[in-house]
């Protein structure tokens, strides 16, 4: 005779099967046990799938956190680059200010040199006037035959003095003209340096703007990715909770 196995009802309580139970009740019990075993295997399969999906999402979340850390490091480096470039721009601005101050000094020196040149021209005009006076004196000497020797000596002295003074003033005029040319060339060089520094400053400002835009774009991408992964994790948790509820109901 086939042995009769103990069975459980849906609440999990033990059913005592009498030895005189009909064969049809035993078959029904075996069908119920097989059905519950099949449902249990199905629920176990679903739980394993949910666990696998949760593990996968946890790994994706960990990857996202690593990506966020990398983006934070990149943002920190970009901010450091921006600060460095701003410091360089400030240094360039200071140098531009110094060059503009030097330009003002050079312009003042140029104005003084022009004033000295005007003074030299006035002195040369005075020399020309002295030369005219010397010619008048020579005419007077020629008219005064009694004082010919004295007039000749005076004439020689005056001519030598005039030539010496003219030569000295010519040398001074050449010196100041060379100095004026050198000052103008230096002023042009300073202006070119100022223009170059202004161009460098403009490029630095453009690069700062590009870096700030890149920083904002990467931050927005990171925020969107975090929001997407958070939504997927919440949906996964909701699915897990929804899956456990039917399992509990069917077990009771």
C-alpha atoms as a PDB file:
ATOM      1  CA  UNK A   1       0.000   0.000   0.000  1.00  0.00           C
ATOM      2  CA  UNK A   2       1.295   3.594  -0.856  1.00  0.00           C
ATOM      3  CA  UNK A   3       2.360   5.696   2.147  1.00  0.00           C
ATOM      4  CA  UNK A   4       0.284   8.781   2.886  1.00  0.00           C
ATOM      5  CA  UNK A   5       2.443  11.971   3.269  1.00  0.00           C
ATOM      6  CA  UNK A   6       1.393  14.834   5.565  1.00  0.00           C
ATOM      7  CA  UNK A   7       0.024  17.939   3.847  1.00  0.00           C
ATOM      8  CA  UNK A   8      -0.343  21.623   4.721  1.00  0.00           C
ATOM      9  CA  UNK A   9      -3.261  23.931   4.041  1.00  0.00           C
ATOM     10  CA  UNK A  10      -2.846  27.430   2.533  1.00  0.00           C
ATOM     11  CA  UNK A  11      -2.183  28.941   5.957  1.00  0.00           C
ATOM     12  CA  UNK A  12       0.673  26.471   6.497  1.00  0.00           C
ATOM     13  CA  UNK A  13      -1.068  24.390   9.197  1.00  0.00           C
ATOM     14  CA  UNK A  14      -0.570  20.646   9.365  1.00  0.00           C
ATOM     15  CA  UNK A  15      -3.346  18.442   8.026  1.00  0.00           C
ATOM     16  CA  UNK A  16      -3.617  15.114   9.635  1.00  0.00           C
ATOM     17  CA  UNK A  17      -4.608  12.590   7.035  1.00  0.00           C
ATOM     18  CA  UNK A  18      -6.388   9.582   8.375  1.00  0.00           C
ATOM     19  CA  UNK A  19      -5.439   6.217   7.131  1.00  0.00           C
ATOM     20  CA  UNK A  20      -8.904   5.677   5.800  1.00  0.00           C
ATOM     21  CA  UNK A  21      -8.911   8.854   3.534  1.00  0.00           C
ATOM     22  CA  UNK A  22     -10.184   8.245   0.063  1.00  0.00           C
ATOM     23  CA  UNK A  23      -7.723   7.935  -2.796  1.00  0.00           C
ATOM     24  CA  UNK A  24      -9.268  10.969  -4.486  1.00  0.00           C
ATOM     25  CA  UNK A  25      -8.406  13.243  -1.526  1.00  0.00           C
ATOM     26  CA  UNK A  26      -4.790  12.075  -1.669  1.00  0.00           C
ATOM     27  CA  UNK A  27      -4.609  12.956  -5.390  1.00  0.00           C
ATOM     28  CA  UNK A  28      -6.089  16.402  -4.700  1.00  0.00           C
ATOM     29  CA  UNK A  29      -3.521  16.983  -1.967  1.00  0.00           C
ATOM     30  CA  UNK A  30      -0.669  15.998  -4.267  1.00  0.00           C
ATOM     31  CA  UNK A  31      -1.994  18.373  -6.965  1.00  0.00           C
ATOM     32  CA  UNK A  32      -2.202  21.196  -4.427  1.00  0.00           C
ATOM     33  CA  UNK A  33       1.361  20.511  -3.255  1.00  0.00           C
ATOM     34  CA  UNK A  34       2.638  20.454  -6.848  1.00  0.00           C
ATOM     35  CA  UNK A  35       0.806  23.700  -7.631  1.00  0.00           C
ATOM     36  CA  UNK A  36       2.195  25.451  -4.552  1.00  0.00           C
ATOM     37  CA  UNK A  37       5.689  24.176  -5.342  1.00  0.00           C
ATOM     38  CA  UNK A  38       5.370  25.570  -8.891  1.00  0.00           C
ATOM     39  CA  UNK A  39       4.187  28.946  -7.570  1.00  0.00           C
ATOM     40  CA  UNK A  40       7.015  28.964  -5.036  1.00  0.00           C
ATOM     41  CA  UNK A  41       9.565  28.295  -7.777  1.00  0.00           C
ATOM     42  CA  UNK A  42       8.020  31.103  -9.866  1.00  0.00           C
ATOM     43  CA  UNK A  43       8.242  33.523  -6.933  1.00  0.00           C
ATOM     44  CA  UNK A  44      11.839  32.499  -6.276  1.00  0.00           C
ATOM     45  CA  UNK A  45      12.657  33.124  -9.929  1.00  0.00           C
ATOM     46  CA  UNK A  46      11.070  36.579  -9.753  1.00  0.00           C
ATOM     47  CA  UNK A  47      12.946  37.380  -6.533  1.00  0.00           C
ATOM     48  CA  UNK A  48      16.239  36.321  -8.134  1.00  0.00           C
ATOM     49  CA  UNK A  49      15.543  38.477 -11.203  1.00  0.00           C
ATOM     50  CA  UNK A  50      14.687  41.463  -8.984  1.00  0.00           C
ATOM     51  CA  UNK A  51      17.835  40.892  -6.955  1.00  0.00           C
ATOM     52  CA  UNK A  52      19.906  40.733 -10.146  1.00  0.00           C
ATOM     53  CA  UNK A  53      18.324  43.952 -11.483  1.00  0.00           C
ATOM     54  CA  UNK A  54      18.883  45.685  -8.142  1.00  0.00           C
ATOM     55  CA  UNK A  55      22.549  44.592  -8.135  1.00  0.00           C
ATOM     56  CA  UNK A  56      22.956  45.871 -11.706  1.00  0.00           C
ATOM     57  CA  UNK A  57      21.394  49.229 -10.813  1.00  0.00           C
ATOM     58  CA  UNK A  58      23.555  49.447  -7.692  1.00  0.00           C
ATOM     59  CA  UNK A  59      26.645  48.885  -9.877  1.00  0.00           C
ATOM     60  CA  UNK A  60      25.429  51.574 -12.299  1.00  0.00           C
ATOM     61  CA  UNK A  61      24.849  53.914  -9.374  1.00  0.00           C
ATOM     62  CA  UNK A  62      28.362  53.237  -8.096  1.00  0.00           C
ATOM     63  CA  UNK A  63      29.729  53.967 -11.587  1.00  0.00           C
ATOM     64  CA  UNK A  64      27.687  57.166 -11.636  1.00  0.00           C
ATOM     65  CA  UNK A  65      29.159  58.191  -8.273  1.00  0.00           C
ATOM     66  CA  UNK A  66      32.654  57.544  -9.617  1.00  0.00           C
ATOM     67  CA  UNK A  67      31.804  59.603 -12.694  1.00  0.00           C
ATOM     68  CA  UNK A  68      30.489  62.372 -10.428  1.00  0.00           C
ATOM     69  CA  UNK A  69      33.737  62.303  -8.421  1.00  0.00           C
ATOM     70  CA  UNK A  70      35.728  62.515 -11.659  1.00  0.00           C
ATOM     71  CA  UNK A  71      33.570  65.428 -12.844  1.00  0.00           C
ATOM     72  CA  UNK A  72      34.028  67.172  -9.495  1.00  0.00           C
ATOM     73  CA  UNK A  73      37.799  66.768  -9.859  1.00  0.00           C
ATOM     74  CA  UNK A  74      37.589  68.122 -13.423  1.00  0.00           C
ATOM     75  CA  UNK A  75      35.476  71.051 -12.201  1.00  0.00           C
ATOM     76  CA  UNK A  76      38.015  71.761  -9.461  1.00  0.00           C
ATOM     77  CA  UNK A  77      40.857  71.701 -11.997  1.00  0.00           C
ATOM     78  CA  UNK A  78      38.906  73.985 -14.330  1.00  0.00           C
ATOM     79  CA  UNK A  79      38.228  76.395 -11.497  1.00  0.00           C
ATOM     80  CA  UNK A  80      41.934  76.364 -10.640  1.00  0.00           C
ATOM     81  CA  UNK A  81      42.772  77.096 -14.310  1.00  0.00           C
ATOM     82  CA  UNK A  82      40.221  79.912 -14.359  1.00  0.00           C
ATOM     83  CA  UNK A  83      41.705  81.432 -11.182  1.00  0.00           C
ATOM     84  CA  UNK A  84      45.233  81.142 -12.599  1.00  0.00           C
ATOM     85  CA  UNK A  85      44.200  82.776 -15.857  1.00  0.00           C
ATOM     86  CA  UNK A  86      42.415  85.546 -13.984  1.00  0.00           C
ATOM     87  CA  UNK A  87      45.592  86.163 -11.998  1.00  0.00           C
ATOM     88  CA  UNK A  88      47.563  86.264 -15.259  1.00  0.00           C
ATOM     89  CA  UNK A  89      45.040  88.704 -16.716  1.00  0.00           C
ATOM     90  CA  UNK A  90      45.381  90.910 -13.610  1.00  0.00           C
ATOM     91  CA  UNK A  91      49.184  90.791 -13.913  1.00  0.00           C
ATOM     92  CA  UNK A  92      48.900  91.712 -17.602  1.00  0.00           C
ATOM     93  CA  UNK A  93      46.613  94.614 -16.656  1.00  0.00           C
ATOM     94  CA  UNK A  94      49.179  95.806 -14.105  1.00  0.00           C
ATOM     95  CA  UNK A  95      51.918  95.614 -16.710  1.00  0.00           C
ATOM     96  CA  UNK A  96      49.712  97.558 -19.138  1.00  0.00           C
ATOM     97  CA  UNK A  97      49.240 100.235 -16.476  1.00  0.00           C
ATOM     98  CA  UNK A  98      53.014 100.412 -15.941  1.00  0.00           C
ATOM     99  CA  UNK A  99      53.590 100.688 -19.671  1.00  0.00           C
ATOM    100  CA  UNK A 100      51.001 103.456 -19.937  1.00  0.00           C
ATOM    101  CA  UNK A 101      52.749 105.268 -17.081  1.00  0.00           C
ATOM    102  CA  UNK A 102      56.094 104.840 -18.885  1.00  0.00           C
ATOM    103  CA  UNK A 103      54.462 106.164 -22.035  1.00  0.00           C
ATOM    104  CA  UNK A 104      53.356 109.277 -20.160  1.00  0.00           C
ATOM    105  CA  UNK A 105      56.902 109.785 -18.840  1.00  0.00           C
ATOM    106  CA  UNK A 106      58.334 109.377 -22.345  1.00  0.00           C
ATOM    107  CA  UNK A 107      55.835 111.870 -23.728  1.00  0.00           C
ATOM    108  CA  UNK A 108      56.854 114.338 -20.990  1.00  0.00           C
ATOM    109  CA  UNK A 109      60.518 113.810 -21.886  1.00  0.00           C
ATOM    110  CA  UNK A 110      59.657 114.363 -25.552  1.00  0.00           C
ATOM    111  CA  UNK A 111      57.898 117.622 -24.678  1.00  0.00           C
ATOM    112  CA  UNK A 112      60.929 118.777 -22.689  1.00  0.00           C
ATOM    113  CA  UNK A 113      63.237 117.847 -25.577  1.00  0.00           C
ATOM    114  CA  UNK A 114      61.076 119.871 -27.959  1.00  0.00           C
ATOM    115  CA  UNK A 115      61.256 122.817 -25.563  1.00  0.00           C
ATOM    116  CA  UNK A 116      65.052 122.469 -25.459  1.00  0.00           C
ATOM    117  CA  UNK A 117      65.081 122.360 -29.253  1.00  0.00           C
ATOM    118  CA  UNK A 118      63.083 125.591 -29.376  1.00  0.00           C
ATOM    119  CA  UNK A 119      65.539 127.184 -26.958  1.00  0.00           C
ATOM    120  CA  UNK A 120      68.437 126.070 -29.165  1.00  0.00           C
ATOM    121  CA  UNK A 121      66.728 127.541 -32.201  1.00  0.00           C
ATOM    122  CA  UNK A 122      66.346 130.831 -30.309  1.00  0.00           C
ATOM    123  CA  UNK A 123      70.045 130.745 -29.452  1.00  0.00           C
ATOM    124  CA  UNK A 124      70.938 130.081 -33.105  1.00  0.00           C
ATOM    125  CA  UNK A 125      68.785 133.041 -34.118  1.00  0.00           C
ATOM    126  CA  UNK A 126      70.694 135.104 -31.582  1.00  0.00           C
ATOM    127  CA  UNK A 127      73.935 133.835 -33.125  1.00  0.00           C
ATOM    128  CA  UNK A 128      72.730 134.859 -36.559  1.00  0.00           C
ATOM    129  CA  UNK A 129      71.890 138.263 -35.132  1.00  0.00           C
ATOM    130  CA  UNK A 130      75.393 138.420 -33.661  1.00  0.00           C
ATOM    131  CA  UNK A 131      76.802 137.531 -37.073  1.00  0.00           C
ATOM    132  CA  UNK A 132      74.819 140.381 -38.633  1.00  0.00           C
ATOM    133  CA  UNK A 133      76.185 142.698 -35.980  1.00  0.00           C
ATOM    134  CA  UNK A 134      79.676 141.458 -36.785  1.00  0.00           C
ATOM    135  CA  UNK A 135      79.167 142.316 -40.453  1.00  0.00           C
ATOM    136  CA  UNK A 136      78.022 145.806 -39.454  1.00  0.00           C
ATOM    137  CA  UNK A 137      81.094 146.129 -37.285  1.00  0.00           C
ATOM    138  CA  UNK A 138      83.319 145.098 -40.197  1.00  0.00           C
ATOM    139  CA  UNK A 139      81.737 147.799 -42.343  1.00  0.00           C
ATOM    140  CA  UNK A 140      82.324 150.276 -39.579  1.00  0.00           C
ATOM    141  CA  UNK A 141      85.940 149.112 -39.291  1.00  0.00           C
ATOM    142  CA  UNK A 142      86.448 149.571 -43.025  1.00  0.00           C
ATOM    143  CA  UNK A 143      85.118 153.083 -42.687  1.00  0.00           C
ATOM    144  CA  UNK A 144      87.465 153.798 -39.773  1.00  0.00           C
ATOM    145  CA  UNK A 145      90.950 153.586 -41.300  1.00  0.00           C
ATOM    146  CA  UNK A 146      92.466 154.991 -38.155  1.00  0.00           C
ATOM    147  CA  UNK A 147      91.367 151.989 -36.164  1.00  0.00           C
ATOM    148  CA  UNK A 148      92.137 149.332 -38.853  1.00  0.00           C
ATOM    149  CA  UNK A 149      94.457 147.210 -36.725  1.00  0.00           C
ATOM    150  CA  UNK A 150      92.108 147.143 -33.753  1.00  0.00           C
ATOM    151  CA  UNK A 151      89.097 146.453 -36.016  1.00  0.00           C
ATOM    152  CA  UNK A 152      90.921 143.569 -37.766  1.00  0.00           C
ATOM    153  CA  UNK A 153      91.758 141.970 -34.430  1.00  0.00           C
ATOM    154  CA  UNK A 154      88.190 142.459 -33.233  1.00  0.00           C
ATOM    155  CA  UNK A 155      86.904 141.010 -36.460  1.00  0.00           C
ATOM    156  CA  UNK A 156      89.086 137.910 -36.094  1.00  0.00           C
ATOM    157  CA  UNK A 157      87.948 137.422 -32.514  1.00  0.00           C
ATOM    158  CA  UNK A 158      84.289 137.867 -33.325  1.00  0.00           C
ATOM    159  CA  UNK A 159      84.423 135.476 -36.318  1.00  0.00           C
ATOM    160  CA  UNK A 160      86.198 132.795 -34.277  1.00  0.00           C
ATOM    161  CA  UNK A 161      83.706 133.186 -31.443  1.00  0.00           C
ATOM    162  CA  UNK A 162      80.764 133.014 -33.829  1.00  0.00           C
ATOM    163  CA  UNK A 163      82.046 129.869 -35.546  1.00  0.00           C
ATOM    164  CA  UNK A 164      82.835 128.204 -32.243  1.00  0.00           C
ATOM    165  CA  UNK A 165      79.420 129.046 -30.848  1.00  0.00           C
ATOM    166  CA  UNK A 166      77.718 127.873 -34.034  1.00  0.00           C
ATOM    167  CA  UNK A 167      79.648 124.607 -34.028  1.00  0.00           C
ATOM    168  CA  UNK A 168      78.781 124.018 -30.371  1.00  0.00           C
ATOM    169  CA  UNK A 169      75.108 124.727 -30.964  1.00  0.00           C
ATOM    170  CA  UNK A 170      75.128 122.471 -34.034  1.00  0.00           C
ATOM    171  CA  UNK A 171      76.528 119.654 -31.898  1.00  0.00           C
ATOM    172  CA  UNK A 172      73.875 120.250 -29.250  1.00  0.00           C
ATOM    173  CA  UNK A 173      71.137 120.340 -31.890  1.00  0.00           C
ATOM    174  CA  UNK A 174      72.364 117.024 -33.347  1.00  0.00           C
ATOM    175  CA  UNK A 175      72.439 115.486 -29.855  1.00  0.00           C
ATOM    176  CA  UNK A 176      68.892 116.552 -29.053  1.00  0.00           C
ATOM    177  CA  UNK A 177      67.598 115.448 -32.460  1.00  0.00           C
ATOM    178  CA  UNK A 178      69.108 111.986 -31.894  1.00  0.00           C
ATOM    179  CA  UNK A 179      67.599 111.885 -28.413  1.00  0.00           C
ATOM    180  CA  UNK A 180      64.185 112.889 -29.795  1.00  0.00           C
ATOM    181  CA  UNK A 181      64.371 110.127 -32.417  1.00  0.00           C
ATOM    182  CA  UNK A 182      65.398 107.581 -29.767  1.00  0.00           C
ATOM    183  CA  UNK A 183      62.544 108.695 -27.506  1.00  0.00           C
ATOM    184  CA  UNK A 184      60.010 108.433 -30.341  1.00  0.00           C
ATOM    185  CA  UNK A 185      61.269 104.943 -31.223  1.00  0.00           C
ATOM    186  CA  UNK A 186      60.987 103.901 -27.549  1.00  0.00           C
ATOM    187  CA  UNK A 187      57.466 105.313 -27.385  1.00  0.00           C
ATOM    188  CA  UNK A 188      56.472 103.325 -30.497  1.00  0.00           C
ATOM    189  CA  UNK A 189      57.964 100.168 -28.942  1.00  0.00           C
ATOM    190  CA  UNK A 190      55.986 100.739 -25.737  1.00  0.00           C
ATOM    191  CA  UNK A 191      52.795 101.248 -27.726  1.00  0.00           C
ATOM    192  CA  UNK A 192      53.389  97.956 -29.564  1.00  0.00           C
ATOM    193  CA  UNK A 193      53.948  96.194 -26.214  1.00  0.00           C
ATOM    194  CA  UNK A 194      50.748  97.695 -24.813  1.00  0.00           C
ATOM    195  CA  UNK A 195      48.813  96.549 -27.882  1.00  0.00           C
ATOM    196  CA  UNK A 196      50.270  93.022 -27.593  1.00  0.00           C
ATOM    197  CA  UNK A 197      49.336  92.814 -23.905  1.00  0.00           C
ATOM    198  CA  UNK A 198      45.828  94.018 -24.683  1.00  0.00           C
ATOM    199  CA  UNK A 199      45.498  91.255 -27.313  1.00  0.00           C
ATOM    200  CA  UNK A 200      46.761  88.687 -24.774  1.00  0.00           C
ATOM    201  CA  UNK A 201      44.252  89.991 -22.251  1.00  0.00           C
ATOM    202  CA  UNK A 202      41.401  89.616 -24.782  1.00  0.00           C
ATOM    203  CA  UNK A 203      42.441  86.039 -25.556  1.00  0.00           C
ATOM    204  CA  UNK A 204      42.616  85.195 -21.851  1.00  0.00           C
ATOM    205  CA  UNK A 205      39.127  86.606 -21.276  1.00  0.00           C
ATOM    206  CA  UNK A 206      37.780  84.546 -24.211  1.00  0.00           C
ATOM    207  CA  UNK A 207      39.414  81.403 -22.836  1.00  0.00           C
ATOM    208  CA  UNK A 208      37.930  82.089 -19.379  1.00  0.00           C
ATOM    209  CA  UNK A 209      34.459  82.392 -20.936  1.00  0.00           C
ATOM    210  CA  UNK A 210      34.935  79.087 -22.837  1.00  0.00           C
ATOM    211  CA  UNK A 211      36.095  77.293 -19.678  1.00  0.00           C
ATOM    212  CA  UNK A 212      33.152  78.632 -17.674  1.00  0.00           C
ATOM    213  CA  UNK A 213      30.712  77.488 -20.401  1.00  0.00           C
ATOM    214  CA  UNK A 214      32.359  74.019 -20.462  1.00  0.00           C
ATOM    215  CA  UNK A 215      32.135  73.822 -16.686  1.00  0.00           C
ATOM    216  CA  UNK A 216      28.417  74.686 -16.727  1.00  0.00           C
ATOM    217  CA  UNK A 217      27.745  72.143 -19.516  1.00  0.00           C
ATOM    218  CA  UNK A 218      29.484  69.283 -17.692  1.00  0.00           C
ATOM    219  CA  UNK A 219      27.676  70.136 -14.466  1.00  0.00           C
ATOM    220  CA  UNK A 220      24.286  70.021 -16.260  1.00  0.00           C
ATOM    221  CA  UNK A 221      25.165  66.657 -17.892  1.00  0.00           C
ATOM    222  CA  UNK A 222      26.152  65.225 -14.493  1.00  0.00           C
ATOM    223  CA  UNK A 223      22.929  66.460 -12.884  1.00  0.00           C
ATOM    224  CA  UNK A 224      20.803  64.940 -15.661  1.00  0.00           C
ATOM    225  CA  UNK A 225      22.653  61.618 -15.363  1.00  0.00           C
ATOM    226  CA  UNK A 226      22.205  61.561 -11.581  1.00  0.00           C
ATOM    227  CA  UNK A 227      18.477  62.318 -11.957  1.00  0.00           C
ATOM    228  CA  UNK A 228      18.081  59.555 -14.558  1.00  0.00           C
ATOM    229  CA  UNK A 229      19.875  56.939 -12.426  1.00  0.00           C
ATOM    230  CA  UNK A 230      17.943  58.005  -9.314  1.00  0.00           C
ATOM    231  CA  UNK A 231      14.648  57.610 -11.227  1.00  0.00           C
ATOM    232  CA  UNK A 232      15.675  54.160 -12.451  1.00  0.00           C
ATOM    233  CA  UNK A 233      16.609  53.116  -8.913  1.00  0.00           C
ATOM    234  CA  UNK A 234      13.260  54.353  -7.571  1.00  0.00           C
ATOM    235  CA  UNK A 235      11.396  52.487 -10.319  1.00  0.00           C
ATOM    236  CA  UNK A 236      13.397  49.352  -9.517  1.00  0.00           C
ATOM    237  CA  UNK A 237      12.519  49.635  -5.838  1.00  0.00           C
ATOM    238  CA  UNK A 238       8.840  50.242  -6.692  1.00  0.00           C
ATOM    239  CA  UNK A 239       8.844  47.169  -8.948  1.00  0.00           C
ATOM    240  CA  UNK A 240      10.454  45.127  -6.169  1.00  0.00           C
ATOM    241  CA  UNK A 241       7.813  46.240  -3.655  1.00  0.00           C
ATOM    242  CA  UNK A 242       5.017  45.562  -6.186  1.00  0.00           C
ATOM    243  CA  UNK A 243       6.447  42.088  -6.882  1.00  0.00           C
ATOM    244  CA  UNK A 244       6.627  41.145  -3.184  1.00  0.00           C
ATOM    245  CA  UNK A 245       3.003  42.168  -2.530  1.00  0.00           C
ATOM    246  CA  UNK A 246       1.443  39.529  -4.882  1.00  0.00           C
ATOM    247  CA  UNK A 247       3.819  36.914  -3.492  1.00  0.00           C
ATOM    248  CA  UNK A 248       2.579  37.635   0.041  1.00  0.00           C
ATOM    249  CA  UNK A 249      -1.049  37.533  -1.039  1.00  0.00           C
ATOM    250  CA  UNK A 250      -0.670  34.206  -2.860  1.00  0.00           C
ATOM    251  CA  UNK A 251       1.149  32.692   0.137  1.00  0.00           C
ATOM    252  CA  UNK A 252      -1.716  33.523   2.467  1.00  0.00           C
END
